[in-house]
Amino acid sequence: MKKNTLTLIIFILLGLLLGSIAAHVLSGVKQLSFLTESTMISWQPRANLDVISYDLKLQVKLSVMSILGLVASIWIYRKL
């Protein structure tokens, strides 16, 4: 399999998604609450330059499980 940037991005997104799904599935287990609690990180750049204006909003919801999924996806990508 050819390694390229697009493949890495797909692996990273899949790892984050699978980690998030795992955190959601395990959210009912009280002993694993430290793995499933998430933190919201947001960034909102905006400008009004009279000719053009923009308003972007980027939010990332991270948990330990999401980060573990990210690390696992990068590890699998490197093993290819």
N, C-alpha and C. Protein backbone atom coordinates (compact mmCIF):
# COMPACT_ATOMS: atom_id res chain seq x y z
N MET A 1 0.84 -1.18 0.00
CA MET A 1 0.00 0.00 0.00
C MET A 1 0.88 1.24 0.00
N LYS A 2 0.53 2.18 -0.84
CA LYS A 2 1.32 3.40 -0.95
C LYS A 2 0.97 4.35 0.20
N LYS A 3 1.99 4.82 0.90
CA LYS A 3 1.78 5.78 1.98
C LYS A 3 1.81 7.19 1.41
N ASN A 4 0.79 7.96 1.73
CA ASN A 4 0.79 9.36 1.36
C ASN A 4 0.01 10.15 2.41
N THR A 5 -0.06 11.44 2.23
CA THR A 5 -0.67 12.31 3.22
C THR A 5 -2.17 12.05 3.34
N LEU A 6 -2.84 11.82 2.23
CA LEU A 6 -4.28 11.58 2.28
C LEU A 6 -4.59 10.31 3.08
N THR A 7 -3.79 9.27 2.91
CA THR A 7 -3.99 8.04 3.67
C THR A 7 -3.80 8.29 5.15
N LEU A 8 -2.79 9.07 5.52
CA LEU A 8 -2.56 9.40 6.92
C LEU A 8 -3.73 10.17 7.50
N ILE A 9 -4.26 11.13 6.77
CA ILE A 9 -5.39 11.92 7.26
C ILE A 9 -6.62 11.04 7.45
N ILE A 10 -6.85 10.12 6.52
CA ILE A 10 -7.98 9.20 6.65
C ILE A 10 -7.80 8.31 7.88
N PHE A 11 -6.58 7.80 8.09
CA PHE A 11 -6.32 6.97 9.27
C PHE A 11 -6.53 7.77 10.55
N ILE A 12 -6.08 9.02 10.59
CA ILE A 12 -6.25 9.85 11.79
C ILE A 12 -7.72 10.10 12.06
N LEU A 13 -8.48 10.45 11.04
CA LEU A 13 -9.91 10.70 11.24
C LEU A 13 -10.64 9.44 11.68
N LEU A 14 -10.31 8.31 11.09
CA LEU A 14 -10.93 7.05 11.51
C LEU A 14 -10.55 6.69 12.95
N GLY A 15 -9.31 6.92 13.33
CA GLY A 15 -8.88 6.65 14.70
C GLY A 15 -9.61 7.51 15.71
N LEU A 16 -9.75 8.80 15.39
CA LEU A 16 -10.50 9.70 16.28
C LEU A 16 -11.96 9.29 16.37
N LEU A 17 -12.54 8.92 15.23
CA LEU A 17 -13.95 8.52 15.21
C LEU A 17 -14.16 7.24 16.00
N LEU A 18 -13.31 6.23 15.80
CA LEU A 18 -13.46 4.98 16.53
C LEU A 18 -13.20 5.16 18.03
N GLY A 19 -12.27 6.02 18.38
CA GLY A 19 -12.03 6.33 19.79
C GLY A 19 -13.22 7.02 20.43
N SER A 20 -13.84 7.91 19.68
CA SER A 20 -15.03 8.60 20.17
C SER A 20 -16.21 7.64 20.34
N ILE A 21 -16.37 6.73 19.39
CA ILE A 21 -17.44 5.73 19.49
C ILE A 21 -17.19 4.82 20.69
N ALA A 22 -15.95 4.41 20.90
CA ALA A 22 -15.61 3.57 22.05
C ALA A 22 -15.89 4.31 23.36
N ALA A 23 -15.59 5.60 23.41
CA ALA A 23 -15.86 6.39 24.61
C ALA A 23 -17.36 6.48 24.86
N HIS A 24 -18.13 6.62 23.79
CA HIS A 24 -19.58 6.70 23.94
C HIS A 24 -20.15 5.37 24.43
N VAL A 25 -19.65 4.26 23.91
CA VAL A 25 -20.11 2.93 24.32
C VAL A 25 -19.75 2.66 25.79
N LEU A 26 -18.56 3.08 26.19
CA LEU A 26 -18.09 2.83 27.56
C LEU A 26 -18.54 3.88 28.57
N SER A 27 -19.32 4.86 28.15
CA SER A 27 -19.71 5.94 29.06
C SER A 27 -20.59 5.45 30.20
N GLY A 28 -21.24 4.32 30.05
CA GLY A 28 -22.07 3.78 31.13
C GLY A 28 -21.29 3.10 32.22
N VAL A 29 -20.03 2.79 32.00
CA VAL A 29 -19.20 2.09 33.00
C VAL A 29 -18.54 3.15 33.89
N LYS A 30 -18.92 3.18 35.15
CA LYS A 30 -18.44 4.22 36.06
C LYS A 30 -16.95 4.11 36.35
N GLN A 31 -16.41 2.90 36.34
CA GLN A 31 -14.99 2.71 36.63
C GLN A 31 -14.10 3.26 35.52
N LEU A 32 -14.64 3.44 34.33
CA LEU A 32 -13.86 3.94 33.20
C LEU A 32 -14.20 5.38 32.85
N SER A 33 -14.75 6.11 33.80
CA SER A 33 -15.17 7.49 33.51
C SER A 33 -13.98 8.40 33.16
N PHE A 34 -12.80 8.09 33.68
CA PHE A 34 -11.63 8.91 33.34
C PHE A 34 -11.25 8.77 31.87
N LEU A 35 -11.63 7.66 31.23
CA LEU A 35 -11.35 7.47 29.81
C LEU A 35 -12.39 8.12 28.92
N THR A 36 -13.60 8.27 29.43
CA THR A 36 -14.70 8.71 28.58
C THR A 36 -15.08 10.18 28.73
N GLU A 37 -14.60 10.84 29.76
CA GLU A 37 -14.91 12.27 29.93
C GLU A 37 -14.19 13.06 28.84
N SER A 38 -14.93 13.96 28.21
CA SER A 38 -14.34 14.71 27.09
C SER A 38 -14.24 16.19 27.41
N THR A 39 -13.34 16.84 26.72
CA THR A 39 -13.11 18.26 26.83
C THR A 39 -13.34 18.91 25.48
N MET A 40 -14.07 20.01 25.47
CA MET A 40 -14.36 20.72 24.24
C MET A 40 -13.32 21.82 24.03
N ILE A 41 -12.69 21.80 22.87
CA ILE A 41 -11.73 22.83 22.48
C ILE A 41 -12.32 23.54 21.27
N SER A 42 -12.45 24.86 21.35
CA SER A 42 -13.04 25.57 20.22
C SER A 42 -12.18 26.76 19.83
N TRP A 43 -12.26 27.11 18.55
CA TRP A 43 -11.52 28.23 17.99
C TRP A 43 -12.44 28.93 17.01
N GLN A 44 -12.62 30.25 17.16
CA GLN A 44 -13.57 30.98 16.34
C GLN A 44 -12.95 32.24 15.75
N PRO A 45 -12.17 32.12 14.70
CA PRO A 45 -11.65 33.33 14.06
C PRO A 45 -12.73 34.00 13.22
N ARG A 46 -12.73 35.31 13.22
CA ARG A 46 -13.68 36.05 12.40
C ARG A 46 -13.09 37.41 12.04
N ALA A 47 -13.53 37.93 10.91
CA ALA A 47 -13.08 39.25 10.47
C ALA A 47 -14.14 39.87 9.59
N ASN A 48 -14.21 41.18 9.64
CA ASN A 48 -15.07 41.94 8.76
C ASN A 48 -14.19 43.01 8.12
N LEU A 49 -13.83 42.79 6.86
CA LEU A 49 -12.89 43.67 6.16
C LEU A 49 -13.60 44.60 5.18
N ASP A 50 -14.87 44.84 5.39
CA ASP A 50 -15.72 45.73 4.59
C ASP A 50 -16.01 45.18 3.20
N VAL A 51 -15.07 44.52 2.57
CA VAL A 51 -15.31 43.92 1.26
C VAL A 51 -15.68 42.45 1.44
N ILE A 52 -15.01 41.83 2.37
CA ILE A 52 -15.24 40.41 2.63
C ILE A 52 -15.26 40.20 4.14
N SER A 53 -16.11 39.30 4.56
CA SER A 53 -16.13 38.96 5.98
C SER A 53 -16.23 37.45 6.11
N TYR A 54 -15.70 36.93 7.18
CA TYR A 54 -15.77 35.50 7.43
C TYR A 54 -15.93 35.24 8.91
N ASP A 55 -16.53 34.12 9.18
CA ASP A 55 -16.76 33.68 10.56
C ASP A 55 -16.64 32.16 10.57
N LEU A 56 -15.55 31.67 11.09
CA LEU A 56 -15.30 30.23 11.15
C LEU A 56 -15.44 29.74 12.58
N LYS A 57 -15.90 28.51 12.71
CA LYS A 57 -16.01 27.92 14.03
C LYS A 57 -15.48 26.49 13.95
N LEU A 58 -14.47 26.20 14.74
CA LEU A 58 -13.87 24.87 14.79
C LEU A 58 -13.96 24.36 16.22
N GLN A 59 -14.60 23.20 16.40
CA GLN A 59 -14.72 22.61 17.72
C GLN A 59 -14.18 21.19 17.68
N VAL A 60 -13.40 20.84 18.68
CA VAL A 60 -12.86 19.50 18.81
C VAL A 60 -13.23 19.00 20.20
N LYS A 61 -13.82 17.82 20.24
CA LYS A 61 -14.21 17.21 21.51
C LYS A 61 -13.29 16.00 21.73
N LEU A 62 -12.36 16.14 22.65
CA LEU A 62 -11.35 15.10 22.88
C LEU A 62 -11.57 14.40 24.22
N SER A 63 -11.32 13.11 24.19
CA SER A 63 -11.29 12.31 25.41
C SER A 63 -10.04 11.43 25.34
N VAL A 64 -9.76 10.75 26.41
CA VAL A 64 -8.59 9.88 26.43
C VAL A 64 -8.77 8.76 25.41
N MET A 65 -9.99 8.25 25.26
CA MET A 65 -10.25 7.21 24.28
C MET A 65 -10.02 7.71 22.85
N SER A 66 -10.39 8.96 22.57
CA SER A 66 -10.14 9.52 21.24
C SER A 66 -8.65 9.64 20.96
N ILE A 67 -7.91 10.05 21.97
CA ILE A 67 -6.46 10.18 21.80
C ILE A 67 -5.83 8.80 21.63
N LEU A 68 -6.33 7.79 22.35
CA LEU A 68 -5.82 6.43 22.17
C LEU A 68 -6.13 5.92 20.77
N GLY A 69 -7.31 6.25 20.24
CA GLY A 69 -7.65 5.88 18.87
C GLY A 69 -6.74 6.57 17.87
N LEU A 70 -6.41 7.83 18.13
CA LEU A 70 -5.49 8.58 17.27
C LEU A 70 -4.11 7.94 17.27
N VAL A 71 -3.61 7.61 18.44
CA VAL A 71 -2.28 6.99 18.55
C VAL A 71 -2.27 5.62 17.87
N ALA A 72 -3.34 4.85 18.07
CA ALA A 72 -3.42 3.53 17.44
C ALA A 72 -3.47 3.65 15.92
N SER A 73 -4.19 4.65 15.41
CA SER A 73 -4.27 4.80 13.95
C SER A 73 -2.93 5.20 13.34
N ILE A 74 -2.19 6.06 14.02
CA ILE A 74 -0.87 6.44 13.52
C ILE A 74 0.09 5.24 13.59
N TRP A 75 -0.02 4.44 14.66
CA TRP A 75 0.82 3.25 14.78
C TRP A 75 0.52 2.27 13.66
N ILE A 76 -0.77 2.04 13.37
CA ILE A 76 -1.15 1.13 12.27
C ILE A 76 -0.67 1.67 10.94
N TYR A 77 -0.77 2.99 10.73
CA TYR A 77 -0.29 3.59 9.48
C TYR A 77 1.20 3.36 9.31
N ARG A 78 1.96 3.51 10.38
CA ARG A 78 3.40 3.32 10.28
C ARG A 78 3.78 1.87 10.04
N LYS A 79 2.94 0.92 10.48
CA LYS A 79 3.21 -0.50 10.28
C LYS A 79 2.93 -0.95 8.85
N LEU A 80 2.15 -0.16 8.10
CA LEU A 80 1.83 -0.54 6.71
C LEU A 80 3.06 -0.53 5.83
